[in-house]
Protein backbone atom coordinates (compact mmCIF):
# COMPACT_ATOMS: atom_id res chain seq x y z
CA MET A 1 87.57 -39.01 -90.08
CA ALA A 2 89.20 -35.72 -91.34
CA ARG A 3 87.51 -32.41 -91.10
CA LYS A 4 86.80 -30.38 -94.11
CA SER A 5 87.69 -26.69 -93.84
CA ASN A 6 84.92 -24.39 -94.74
CA SER A 7 86.22 -22.02 -97.35
CA ARG A 8 83.60 -19.38 -96.51
CA ARG A 9 84.69 -19.18 -92.90
CA ALA A 10 88.45 -19.29 -93.49
CA LYS A 11 90.03 -15.95 -92.87
CA PRO A 12 92.37 -14.57 -95.51
CA LYS A 13 95.95 -14.81 -94.63
CA LYS A 14 97.94 -11.63 -94.27
CA VAL A 15 100.66 -11.21 -96.92
CA THR A 16 103.66 -10.15 -95.08
CA ARG A 17 106.53 -8.91 -97.26
CA ARG A 18 109.85 -8.17 -95.94
CA GLY A 19 112.24 -6.15 -98.03
CA LYS A 20 115.95 -6.89 -98.21
CA LYS A 21 117.60 -6.19 -94.88
CA LYS A 22 119.42 -3.01 -94.83
CA ILE A 23 123.14 -3.18 -93.85
CA SER A 24 124.37 -0.64 -91.33
CA ALA A 25 126.92 1.96 -92.23
CA LEU A 26 128.96 0.71 -89.26
CA THR A 27 129.02 -2.76 -90.61
CA ILE A 28 129.92 -1.66 -94.11
CA GLY A 29 132.76 0.62 -92.75
CA LYS A 30 133.83 -2.05 -90.25
CA ILE A 31 133.52 0.54 -87.50
CA GLU A 32 133.69 -0.85 -83.98
CA TYR A 33 133.71 2.35 -81.94
CA VAL A 34 131.19 5.15 -82.61
CA ASP A 35 132.97 8.39 -81.63
CA TYR A 36 130.79 11.33 -80.70
CA LYS A 37 133.31 13.70 -82.42
CA ASP A 38 132.87 12.08 -85.86
CA ILE A 39 130.10 14.15 -87.08
CA ASP A 40 130.03 12.91 -90.62
CA LEU A 41 129.33 9.41 -89.44
CA LEU A 42 126.73 10.53 -86.88
CA ARG A 43 124.84 12.43 -89.62
CA LYS A 44 124.12 9.20 -91.42
CA PHE A 45 122.12 8.13 -88.40
CA VAL A 46 120.24 11.39 -87.79
CA SER A 47 117.33 12.76 -89.96
CA GLU A 48 117.09 16.10 -91.47
CA ARG A 49 115.01 17.22 -88.55
CA ALA A 50 117.82 16.08 -86.24
CA LYS A 51 115.99 12.94 -84.93
CA ILE A 52 117.86 9.67 -84.47
CA LYS A 53 116.72 7.26 -87.14
CA ALA A 54 115.07 4.05 -86.20
CA ARG A 55 116.92 0.67 -86.42
CA ARG A 56 114.84 -0.56 -89.26
CA ILE A 57 115.70 2.57 -91.28
CA SER A 58 119.43 2.73 -90.43
CA GLY A 59 119.98 -1.07 -90.47
CA ASN A 60 121.73 -1.07 -87.02
CA ASP A 61 121.40 -3.98 -84.68
CA ALA A 62 120.38 -3.37 -81.07
CA GLY A 63 124.02 -2.86 -79.82
CA GLN A 64 124.96 -0.56 -82.69
CA GLN A 65 121.84 1.50 -82.15
CA ARG A 66 122.59 1.98 -78.47
CA HIS A 67 126.20 3.09 -79.27
CA VAL A 68 124.92 5.49 -82.03
CA ALA A 69 122.23 6.96 -79.74
CA ARG A 70 124.72 7.56 -76.95
CA ALA A 71 127.25 9.14 -79.31
CA VAL A 72 124.53 11.40 -80.86
CA LYS A 73 123.39 12.56 -77.42
CA ASN A 74 126.96 13.29 -76.44
CA ALA A 75 127.57 15.22 -79.71
CA ARG A 76 124.38 17.25 -78.94
CA GLU A 77 125.59 17.99 -75.50
CA MET A 78 128.95 19.26 -76.79
CA ALA A 79 127.09 21.37 -79.33
CA LEU A 80 128.61 19.44 -82.30
CA ILE A 81 125.20 18.69 -83.79
CA PRO A 82 121.92 20.52 -83.19
CA TYR A 83 119.09 19.15 -80.96
CA THR A 84 116.48 20.29 -83.54
CA ASN A 85 116.69 21.42 -87.04
CA ARG A 86 113.74 23.47 -88.39
CA VAL A 87 112.87 22.54 -91.88
CA THR A 88 110.80 25.15 -93.81
CA THR A 89 108.79 24.09 -96.82
CA GLN A 90 107.02 26.34 -99.27
CA ARG A 91 103.25 25.70 -99.51
CA ARG A 92 102.00 25.05 -102.98
CA GLU A 93 99.26 27.11 -104.57
CA ARG A 94 95.76 25.54 -104.48
CA ARG A 95 94.22 24.35 -107.65
CA GLY A 96 90.87 25.66 -108.47
CA ASP A 97 90.78 28.04 -105.56
CA ASP A 98 87.41 29.86 -105.93
CA ARG A 99 87.69 31.71 -102.69
CA ALA A 100 88.22 35.41 -102.65
CA PRO A 101 91.31 36.76 -101.02
CA ARG A 102 91.09 37.75 -97.37
CA ALA A 103 90.02 41.24 -96.61
CA ASP A 104 92.00 43.38 -94.26
CA GLY A 105 90.52 44.73 -91.21
CA PRO A 106 88.05 43.50 -88.58
CA PRO A 107 85.45 40.74 -89.40
CA PRO A 108 81.94 41.97 -90.34
CA ARG A 109 79.46 42.63 -87.59
CA PRO A 110 76.15 40.65 -87.43
CA THR A 111 73.09 42.44 -88.72
CA ALA A 112 70.47 40.77 -86.64
CA PRO A 113 70.38 39.66 -82.95
CA PRO A 114 71.22 35.91 -82.31
CA PRO A 115 68.22 33.66 -82.42
CA GLY A 116 66.32 32.97 -79.17
CA SER A 117 66.96 36.44 -77.59
CA THR A 118 63.69 38.12 -76.59
CA GLY A 119 65.18 41.44 -75.65
CA ASP A 120 65.95 43.15 -72.35
CA ALA A 121 62.75 42.25 -70.49
CA GLU A 122 64.41 39.10 -68.87
CA PHE A 123 67.38 41.29 -67.69
CA GLU A 124 65.08 43.91 -66.04
CA ALA A 125 63.18 41.19 -64.09
CA VAL A 126 66.56 39.83 -62.84
CA ASP A 127 67.71 43.22 -61.69
CA GLU A 128 64.50 43.74 -59.69
CA MET A 129 64.98 40.34 -58.04
CA THR A 130 68.53 41.09 -56.96
CA LEU A 131 67.23 44.28 -55.27
CA ASP A 132 64.61 42.34 -53.35
CA ALA A 133 67.00 39.51 -52.31
CA VAL A 134 68.42 39.68 -48.86
CA ASP A 135 71.36 37.51 -47.59
CA LEU A 136 71.35 36.21 -44.07
CA VAL A 137 74.54 36.86 -42.20
CA THR A 138 75.62 34.87 -39.12
CA ASP A 139 77.80 36.28 -36.49
CA ASP A 140 80.17 34.41 -34.12
CA ASN A 141 77.42 33.59 -31.64
CA GLY A 142 75.38 31.75 -34.36
CA SER A 143 72.59 34.20 -34.37
CA SER A 144 71.49 35.40 -37.77
CA GLU A 145 70.32 38.89 -38.62
CA ALA A 146 69.03 40.28 -41.88
CA PRO A 147 70.81 43.36 -43.02
CA GLU A 148 69.18 46.04 -45.21
CA ALA A 149 68.84 45.39 -48.89
CA VAL A 150 71.64 47.11 -50.72
CA PRO A 151 70.95 48.25 -54.35
CA ALA A 152 73.09 46.45 -56.86
CA GLY A 153 74.20 49.78 -58.40
CA GLY A 154 77.01 50.18 -55.89
CA ASP A 155 77.78 52.04 -52.59
CA GLN A 156 75.82 55.27 -52.01
């Protein structure tokens, strides 16, 4: 007996569209050897930021892409084409910008102390504790002796 497929459980199939395969400039020009000195040809395979274009964009097959990549790298090494090309774009104005322009100078200082601070009472207690604390020092024999308490204010 044949099974019925449950339409509620069936996963929707992905629609995969493939555009028309792009044909490489090497195939169109019937070029068999990619010369690193042919800068006009190499620029067809390099983006405006001087990156080597991918195979799916340029239309090269795997072998052609290897030859183009090697030629571009050689041309870069010989300083015929740049390694990087900085592209500067102008930023557009914001629409509906309600913010005020930035003020020159330092940022404003806070008017109130940060929340949770109780004052200097905690710091005074810590200072007294450091004066009372004594570190034990061990010498080479292994005996320990307690040196005098030195005030935290410095050497006097």
